[in-house]
Protein backbone atom coordinates (compact mmCIF):
# COMPACT_ATOMS: atom_id res chain seq x y z
CA MET A 1 -43.72 -33.52 11.76
CA ARG A 2 -41.31 -36.42 13.50
CA ALA A 3 -39.03 -38.00 11.39
CA GLY A 4 -36.07 -40.40 13.04
CA LEU A 5 -34.82 -40.99 16.35
CA GLU A 6 -34.19 -38.21 18.87
CA VAL A 7 -32.20 -37.19 21.82
CA ALA A 8 -35.67 -36.66 23.70
CA ASP A 9 -36.63 -40.15 22.92
CA VAL A 10 -33.39 -41.49 24.77
CA PHE A 11 -34.34 -39.26 27.78
CA ARG A 12 -37.97 -39.67 27.83
CA ARG A 13 -37.70 -43.61 27.83
CA HIS A 14 -34.81 -43.63 30.39
CA GLY A 15 -34.43 -40.44 31.80
CA PRO A 16 -36.93 -41.38 34.98
CA ALA A 17 -34.56 -44.23 35.53
CA TRP A 18 -31.56 -42.50 35.44
CA ARG A 19 -32.43 -39.69 37.58
CA ALA A 20 -33.71 -42.07 40.44
CA ALA A 21 -30.36 -43.84 40.04
CA HIS A 22 -28.28 -40.67 40.16
CA ALA A 23 -30.19 -38.62 42.30
CA PRO A 24 -27.47 -37.50 44.93
CA HIS A 25 -24.92 -36.45 41.86
CA VAL A 26 -27.70 -34.72 39.46
CA GLY A 27 -27.34 -30.92 39.29
CA LEU A 28 -30.21 -28.54 39.27
CA ALA A 29 -28.57 -27.34 35.66
CA GLN A 30 -28.77 -31.03 34.24
CA LEU A 31 -32.33 -31.67 35.76
CA LYS A 32 -33.27 -28.18 33.81
CA VAL A 33 -31.75 -29.37 30.77
CA MET A 34 -33.09 -32.93 30.50
CA SER A 35 -36.64 -31.86 31.18
CA ALA A 36 -36.34 -29.01 28.81
CA ILE A 37 -35.39 -31.57 26.32
CA GLU A 38 -38.16 -34.12 27.28
CA THR A 39 -40.62 -31.66 26.73
CA CYS A 40 -39.58 -29.58 23.79
CA ARG A 41 -42.27 -29.49 21.17
CA THR A 42 -44.63 -31.57 22.99
CA ALA A 43 -48.19 -30.41 24.70
CA ALA A 44 -46.55 -30.14 27.74
CA LEU A 45 -44.93 -26.64 26.61
CA GLY A 46 -48.18 -25.56 25.11
CA GLY A 47 -48.73 -24.60 21.23
CA HIS A 48 -51.02 -23.69 19.09
CA VAL A 49 -53.63 -24.72 16.10
CA GLU A 50 -52.94 -23.64 12.72
CA GLY A 51 -55.38 -23.94 9.74
CA CYS A 52 -55.10 -23.62 5.91
CA GLN A 53 -56.41 -20.53 4.49
CA ASP A 54 -57.00 -22.33 1.32
CA CYS A 55 -58.22 -25.89 2.10
CA GLY A 56 -58.90 -25.76 5.76
CA HIS A 57 -56.47 -28.23 6.51
CA THR A 58 -55.16 -28.20 10.41
CA ARG A 59 -52.59 -29.15 12.34
CA ILE A 60 -50.83 -28.48 15.74
CA ALA A 61 -47.53 -26.81 16.54
CA TYR A 62 -46.10 -27.22 19.74
CA ASN A 63 -43.92 -24.42 21.55
CA SER A 64 -40.00 -25.32 21.70
CA CYS A 65 -37.76 -25.26 25.11
CA ARG A 66 -35.48 -22.96 23.56
CA ASN A 67 -32.54 -24.61 25.69
CA ARG A 68 -29.24 -23.94 24.58
CA HIS A 69 -28.47 -27.65 24.93
CA CYS A 70 -31.59 -28.93 22.94
CA PRO A 71 -30.76 -30.47 19.54
CA LYS A 72 -33.68 -29.53 17.76
CA CYS A 73 -33.62 -25.76 19.11
CA GLN A 74 -30.29 -24.62 17.68
CA GLY A 75 -31.36 -24.18 14.15
CA ASN A 76 -33.14 -20.85 14.40
CA ALA A 77 -31.01 -19.49 16.98
CA ALA A 78 -27.95 -20.22 14.39
CA ARG A 79 -29.47 -18.73 11.71
CA GLU A 80 -30.50 -15.54 13.60
CA TRP A 81 -26.92 -15.18 15.12
CA LEU A 82 -25.38 -15.98 11.81
CA ALA A 83 -27.84 -13.21 10.03
CA ALA A 84 -25.96 -10.78 12.30
CA ARG A 85 -22.74 -11.71 11.88
CA GLU A 86 -22.93 -11.30 8.17
CA ALA A 87 -22.05 -7.88 8.15
CA ASP A 88 -18.85 -8.29 9.64
CA LEU A 89 -17.54 -10.42 6.78
CA LEU A 90 -14.57 -8.94 5.24
CA PRO A 91 -13.26 -10.20 1.45
CA VAL A 92 -10.31 -11.92 2.69
CA GLY A 93 -9.26 -15.54 3.41
CA TYR A 94 -10.31 -16.79 6.94
CA PHE A 95 -8.41 -19.47 8.79
CA HIS A 96 -9.85 -22.19 11.38
CA VAL A 97 -7.54 -22.63 14.32
CA VAL A 98 -8.24 -25.02 17.24
CA PHE A 99 -6.91 -24.71 20.73
CA THR A 100 -6.86 -27.97 22.95
CA VAL A 101 -5.73 -28.38 26.34
CA PRO A 102 -4.34 -31.93 27.44
CA ALA A 103 -6.26 -34.68 28.84
CA GLU A 104 -4.76 -34.09 32.45
CA VAL A 105 -5.98 -30.12 32.36
CA ALA A 106 -9.36 -31.31 30.87
CA ALA A 107 -9.73 -33.48 34.01
CA ILE A 108 -9.33 -30.61 36.25
CA ALA A 109 -11.77 -28.42 34.34
CA PHE A 110 -14.12 -31.27 34.66
CA HIS A 111 -15.21 -29.98 38.35
CA ASN A 112 -14.23 -26.38 37.39
CA LYS A 113 -15.93 -25.70 34.28
CA ALA A 114 -16.79 -21.91 34.70
CA ALA A 115 -13.33 -21.20 35.81
CA VAL A 116 -11.14 -23.43 33.52
CA TYR A 117 -13.32 -22.85 30.24
CA ASP A 118 -13.10 -19.42 30.85
CA LEU A 119 -9.28 -19.39 31.15
CA LEU A 120 -9.27 -21.23 28.38
CA PHE A 121 -10.99 -18.31 26.34
CA ARG A 122 -8.64 -15.62 27.37
CA ALA A 123 -5.29 -17.75 27.06
CA ALA A 124 -6.08 -18.94 23.75
CA SER A 125 -7.35 -15.35 22.42
CA GLN A 126 -4.48 -13.66 24.17
CA THR A 127 -2.13 -15.97 22.54
CA MET A 128 -3.76 -15.28 19.08
CA LEU A 129 -3.66 -11.32 19.65
CA THR A 130 -0.41 -11.48 20.69
CA ILE A 131 1.51 -13.32 17.93
CA ALA A 132 -0.35 -11.60 15.54
CA ALA A 133 0.82 -8.33 16.94
CA ASP A 134 4.26 -9.14 16.72
CA PRO A 135 6.09 -7.72 13.83
CA ARG A 136 8.26 -10.54 13.45
CA HIS A 137 5.18 -12.48 12.41
CA LEU A 138 2.16 -10.43 11.41
CA GLY A 139 2.46 -7.35 12.89
CA ALA A 140 -1.64 -6.38 13.01
CA ARG A 141 -4.47 -6.15 15.15
CA ILE A 142 -6.63 -9.17 14.20
CA GLY A 143 -10.24 -10.12 14.75
CA ILE A 144 -11.45 -13.39 16.26
CA THR A 145 -14.54 -15.59 16.48
CA ALA A 146 -14.31 -18.16 19.34
CA VAL A 147 -16.61 -20.91 19.96
CA LEU A 148 -16.10 -23.09 22.92
CA HIS A 149 -16.68 -27.33 22.16
CA THR A 150 -16.64 -29.78 25.21
CA TRP A 151 -16.81 -32.86 23.34
CA GLY A 152 -15.18 -35.09 21.16
CA SER A 153 -17.31 -37.33 18.65
CA ALA A 154 -18.04 -40.10 21.34
CA MET A 155 -19.20 -37.27 23.86
CA THR A 156 -16.23 -37.74 25.96
CA HIS A 157 -15.02 -34.62 27.77
CA HIS A 158 -12.59 -32.72 25.32
CA PRO A 159 -12.95 -28.94 25.91
CA HIS A 160 -11.36 -26.75 23.09
CA ILE A 161 -11.62 -23.61 21.29
CA HIS A 162 -12.66 -23.43 17.50
CA MET A 163 -11.37 -19.60 16.14
CA ILE A 164 -12.52 -18.22 12.87
CA VAL A 165 -9.96 -15.52 11.98
CA PRO A 166 -9.39 -13.29 8.59
CA GLY A 167 -6.34 -13.63 6.84
CA GLY A 168 -4.96 -10.03 8.13
CA GLY A 169 -5.48 -7.27 10.31
CA LEU A 170 -5.17 -3.38 11.01
CA SER A 171 -1.93 -2.29 11.15
CA PRO A 172 -0.92 -0.66 14.82
CA ASP A 173 -1.75 3.13 13.67
CA GLY A 174 -4.87 1.88 11.87
CA GLN A 175 -3.58 3.19 8.52
CA ARG A 176 -3.42 0.12 6.43
CA TRP A 177 -4.64 -3.52 6.08
CA VAL A 178 -1.77 -5.83 6.78
CA SER A 179 -2.57 -9.08 4.63
CA SER A 180 -1.23 -12.79 5.68
CA LYS A 181 0.39 -15.21 2.98
CA PRO A 182 -2.47 -16.94 1.41
CA ALA A 183 -2.16 -20.29 2.95
CA PHE A 184 -0.32 -19.39 6.17
CA LEU A 185 -1.70 -17.21 8.85
CA LEU A 186 0.67 -17.82 12.29
CA PRO A 187 3.07 -20.10 13.15
CA VAL A 188 1.40 -22.82 15.06
CA ARG A 189 4.45 -24.23 17.43
CA VAL A 190 4.69 -20.62 18.62
CA LEU A 191 1.25 -20.16 19.49
CA GLY A 192 1.23 -23.71 21.26
CA LYS A 193 4.40 -22.68 23.45
CA LEU A 194 2.88 -19.30 24.49
CA PHE A 195 -0.64 -20.69 24.94
CA ARG A 196 0.86 -23.49 27.23
CA ARG A 197 2.61 -20.71 29.11
CA LEU A 198 -0.45 -18.51 29.59
CA PHE A 199 -2.73 -21.42 30.49
CA MET A 200 -0.37 -22.82 33.34
CA THR A 201 0.45 -19.61 34.79
CA ARG A 202 -3.15 -18.51 35.31
CA LEU A 203 -4.25 -22.18 36.53
CA ILE A 204 -2.02 -21.81 39.18
CA GLU A 205 -2.97 -18.62 40.13
CA LEU A 206 -6.71 -19.93 40.09
CA HIS A 207 -5.30 -22.69 42.50
CA ALA A 208 -3.30 -20.24 44.89
CA ALA A 209 -6.48 -18.02 45.08
CA GLY A 210 -8.75 -20.88 45.90
CA ARG A 211 -11.11 -21.14 43.08
CA LEU A 212 -10.63 -24.64 41.96
CA HIS A 213 -12.33 -27.42 43.44
CA PHE A 214 -11.56 -31.07 43.54
CA PHE A 215 -13.38 -34.01 44.38
CA SER A 216 -12.64 -37.82 44.52
CA GLU A 217 -9.21 -38.90 43.12
CA GLN A 218 -8.31 -35.50 42.91
CA VAL A 219 -8.89 -34.57 46.47
CA GLY A 220 -4.97 -34.39 46.80
CA LEU A 221 -4.66 -31.67 44.65
CA ARG A 222 -5.88 -29.50 46.85
CA ASP A 223 -2.50 -29.25 48.38
CA GLN A 224 -0.19 -26.74 46.44
CA ARG A 225 2.68 -28.91 45.96
CA ALA A 226 0.98 -31.81 44.90
CA PHE A 227 -0.63 -29.36 42.29
CA LEU A 228 2.56 -28.38 40.90
CA ARG A 229 3.87 -31.99 40.77
CA HIS A 230 0.61 -32.98 38.94
CA LEU A 231 1.32 -30.16 36.46
CA ALA A 232 4.99 -30.54 36.31
CA PRO A 233 4.89 -33.20 33.15
CA ILE A 234 2.33 -31.16 31.28
CA ARG A 235 4.66 -28.56 31.37
CA LYS A 236 7.24 -30.51 29.14
CA LYS A 237 4.51 -31.80 26.79
CA SER A 238 4.01 -29.79 23.31
CA TRP A 239 0.18 -28.15 23.33
CA VAL A 240 -0.95 -28.80 19.89
CA VAL A 241 -2.53 -26.01 18.12
CA TYR A 242 -4.09 -26.76 14.94
CA ALA A 243 -4.69 -24.27 11.97
CA LYS A 244 -6.52 -25.53 8.87
CA PRO A 245 -6.18 -23.90 5.54
CA PRO A 246 -8.41 -21.11 4.54
CA PHE A 247 -11.94 -21.37 3.59
CA ALA A 248 -12.84 -20.67 -0.02
CA SER A 249 -14.94 -17.42 0.27
CA PRO A 250 -16.76 -15.61 3.22
CA GLU A 251 -19.92 -17.56 2.05
CA ALA A 252 -17.87 -20.58 3.16
CA VAL A 253 -17.37 -19.34 6.58
CA LEU A 254 -20.66 -18.69 7.21
CA ALA A 255 -21.61 -22.14 6.17
CA TYR A 256 -19.07 -23.21 8.67
CA LEU A 257 -20.08 -21.21 11.41
CA SER A 258 -23.68 -22.37 10.87
CA ARG A 259 -22.20 -25.86 11.66
CA TYR A 260 -20.29 -24.77 14.80
CA THR A 261 -21.47 -21.99 16.65
CA HIS A 262 -24.96 -23.44 18.19
CA ARG A 263 -23.67 -27.17 18.18
CA VAL A 264 -24.47 -29.61 21.00
CA ALA A 265 -22.75 -32.55 22.22
CA ILE A 266 -24.47 -34.74 19.71
CA SER A 267 -27.34 -33.93 17.01
CA ASN A 268 -30.45 -36.29 16.39
CA ARG A 269 -28.91 -36.72 12.78
CA ARG A 270 -26.34 -38.96 14.18
CA LEU A 271 -28.70 -41.19 16.00
CA ILE A 272 -29.18 -44.69 14.36
CA SER A 273 -30.97 -46.64 16.89
CA LEU A 274 -32.40 -47.26 20.60
CA ASP A 275 -33.08 -50.42 21.69
CA GLU A 276 -32.04 -53.15 24.38
CA ALA A 277 -28.50 -52.81 23.78
CA GLY A 278 -28.49 -48.92 24.00
CA VAL A 279 -28.28 -46.08 21.99
CA THR A 280 -26.36 -46.46 18.69
CA PHE A 281 -24.91 -43.61 16.98
CA ARG A 282 -22.41 -41.98 14.13
CA THR A 283 -19.16 -41.36 15.34
CA LYS A 284 -15.79 -39.95 13.81
CA ASP A 285 -12.27 -41.55 14.48
CA TYR A 286 -10.04 -38.64 13.85
CA ARG A 287 -6.85 -40.93 13.93
CA ARG A 288 -7.84 -42.85 11.24
CA GLU A 289 -7.77 -42.12 7.63
CA ARG A 290 -10.97 -41.67 5.35
CA PRO A 291 -13.22 -43.53 5.10
CA ALA A 292 -12.42 -45.76 8.01
CA ARG A 293 -12.83 -42.98 10.26
CA HIS A 294 -16.82 -43.05 9.84
CA ARG A 295 -17.56 -45.63 12.65
CA THR A 296 -20.57 -46.31 14.79
CA MET A 297 -20.90 -46.93 18.32
CA THR A 298 -23.23 -48.23 21.13
CA LEU A 299 -23.68 -47.06 24.75
CA THR A 300 -26.23 -47.86 27.34
CA ALA A 301 -28.74 -45.99 28.00
CA ASP A 302 -27.22 -44.66 31.12
CA GLU A 303 -23.90 -44.15 29.73
CA PHE A 304 -25.60 -41.98 26.91
CA ILE A 305 -27.08 -39.80 29.34
CA ARG A 306 -24.31 -39.43 31.51
CA ARG A 307 -21.94 -38.30 28.28
CA PHE A 308 -24.81 -35.97 27.17
CA LEU A 309 -25.10 -34.30 30.38
CA LEU A 310 -21.30 -33.85 30.86
CA HIS A 311 -21.67 -30.50 28.40
CA VAL A 312 -24.02 -28.79 30.13
CA LEU A 313 -22.55 -25.56 30.50
CA PRO A 314 -22.66 -23.18 33.65
CA LYS A 315 -25.76 -20.78 33.77
CA GLY A 316 -24.81 -17.74 32.05
CA PHE A 317 -21.48 -18.80 30.45
CA HIS A 318 -20.89 -17.62 27.12
CA ARG A 319 -19.64 -20.42 24.66
CA ILE A 320 -19.40 -17.69 21.65
CA ARG A 321 -17.21 -14.45 22.06
CA HIS A 322 -15.33 -12.27 20.09
CA TYR A 323 -11.81 -10.62 20.46
CA GLY A 324 -10.00 -8.11 18.74
CA LEU A 325 -11.30 -6.29 15.97
CA PHE A 326 -14.68 -7.82 16.57
CA ALA A 327 -14.86 -7.44 20.19
CA SER A 328 -18.22 -5.60 20.99
CA ALA A 329 -16.93 -2.24 21.80
CA GLY A 330 -15.20 -1.33 18.85
CA ARG A 331 -16.37 -4.06 16.38
CA LYS A 332 -18.65 -1.57 14.18
CA ALA A 333 -15.80 1.30 13.77
CA ASN A 334 -13.21 -1.34 13.33
CA VAL A 335 -15.07 -3.60 10.55
CA ALA A 336 -16.11 -0.15 9.13
CA ARG A 337 -12.09 1.00 9.00
CA ALA A 338 -11.17 -2.53 7.54
CA ARG A 339 -13.59 -2.17 4.63
CA GLU A 340 -12.25 0.97 4.05
CA LEU A 341 -8.80 -0.13 3.49
CA LEU A 342 -9.79 -2.92 1.85
CA ALA A 343 -11.65 -0.61 -0.95
CA VAL A 344 -15.01 -2.83 -0.03
CA PRO A 345 -18.15 -0.84 -0.19
CA PRO A 346 -20.19 -1.04 3.43
CA PRO A 347 -23.17 -3.03 3.29
CA ALA A 348 -26.08 -1.76 1.74
CA MET A 349 -28.51 0.30 3.90
CA PRO A 350 -32.12 0.10 3.75
CA SER A 351 -34.10 3.18 1.80
CA PRO A 352 -35.85 5.44 3.59
CA ALA A 353 -39.54 4.11 2.44
CA HIS A 354 -37.89 0.51 3.21
CA THR A 355 -37.36 1.84 6.45
CA GLN A 356 -40.75 3.14 7.25
CA GLU A 357 -42.36 0.17 5.61
CA PRO A 358 -40.23 -3.06 6.46
CA THR A 359 -40.59 -5.99 4.56
CA PRO A 360 -41.97 -8.69 6.53
CA SER A 361 -40.31 -11.64 7.58
CA PRO A 362 -40.85 -14.93 6.02
CA ASP A 363 -43.50 -16.88 7.44
CA PRO A 364 -41.73 -18.96 9.97
CA ARG A 365 -44.72 -21.80 9.91
CA PRO A 366 -44.24 -24.21 6.80
CA PRO A 367 -46.90 -24.28 4.26
CA CYS A 368 -50.00 -26.75 4.09
CA PRO A 369 -48.77 -30.27 3.98
CA CYS A 370 -51.99 -30.68 1.40
CA CYS A 371 -52.21 -27.82 -1.02
CA GLY A 372 -49.06 -25.63 -0.01
CA GLY A 373 -51.53 -22.90 1.07
CA ARG A 374 -50.55 -20.55 3.64
CA MET A 375 -51.18 -21.45 7.34
CA ILE A 376 -52.53 -19.03 9.76
CA VAL A 377 -53.02 -19.61 13.63
CA LEU A 378 -56.39 -20.37 14.78
CA ASP A 379 -56.26 -20.77 18.58
CA ILE A 380 -53.19 -20.78 21.37
CA PHE A 381 -53.07 -22.98 24.03
CA THR A 382 -50.78 -23.25 27.32
CA GLY A 383 -49.17 -26.16 28.40
CA VAL A 384 -48.39 -27.61 31.94
CA ALA A 385 -44.56 -27.18 32.15
CA GLN A 386 -42.82 -24.11 31.26
CA PRO A 387 -38.89 -24.87 31.00
CA ARG A 388 -38.72 -22.48 28.33
CA GLY A 389 -35.74 -20.08 27.60
CA PRO A 390 -36.18 -16.04 26.82
CA PRO A 391 -38.86 -14.95 24.14
CA ALA A 392 -37.61 -14.83 20.61
CA SER A 393 -37.51 -11.55 18.61
CA SER A 394 -40.45 -12.59 16.37
CA ALA A 395 -43.72 -14.08 17.55
CA PHE A 396 -42.81 -17.70 16.18
CA SER A 397 -39.17 -17.27 15.07
CA ARG A 398 -38.36 -20.31 17.47
CA ARG A 399 -41.80 -20.96 19.54
CA SER A 400 -43.33 -23.24 16.99
CA THR A 401 -42.72 -25.81 14.37
CA SER A 402 -44.63 -28.51 12.98
């Protein structure tokens, strides 16, 4: 059932005119995102008819687009991802670390998203792993889960990396667990200096290799000397790395990850109204103290769509990555070793009987709104448009809703 204003409403009402006005400047990836969001959970994608086994009530459930930029399709994706990560949680404090680049670098990233976003991941992760391994600081191999966000609260282009890091790691020989201080992981000033050096060095290498592209007012940066002059002031700036206090519990880590891992530029919950003035939505101005930081903003529909599409990621780009102990190649062995050193039992394994007769997953279909009975599929129908992602692991985990 629909409740409230959605990004899809803005796209359906103003998208056709926006596409016509900006046709020469809109990429295929952005067009696909718009189409997916506009048709998500509508008859265009098909769906099925459900009926209550008890009272006979029927309803239509339309398929979802499963696009990773769609505000409506990230809930199930986040839940499935979190279920897979739960076994990796350790009974230690977790820290939230944020790496941000200056506005001058963000401007370069705007036309070089794949290259610069990837560089942001690599420089930030290497910074954390290097400083953590230094015996003058922690002297341990740590684990990192990193998530890329490319937006600020007002949907402006603001690329930054959120990291969730356990408060400690394995000693170099793997024989003991090295704990961080309860409220301190690594010195942020040291992190900022190394991050700046690594990022700038590799950014210059990308330019020398011809992997950066410049347009409009940045065309002059194609020249190497002009590019180096542009970067000179940035080298003198302090690159801020922000470290929040540790989470209260591993459960709090999961709650946090559920809000951050599959977030898109703006959620439907933040939308307030759509009228002649434009789109009004809630924002936060982090330069203000609470509660004054909670504000509202109104953008024309044209500008709202433009800002939303700024954050369409390159095809195949991974916005969630794992490093150190949590890197995929050795994650299971590293987590098992950490649990052993922390004297924590491994996650409970299913019994043989349970393995042979698995418990069916919870029914993803909401119960009957009339009597609360179980709904079953009566008929399946196809749609006329299919801008959908890969099939989900279970029949209805992502494809249907009411």
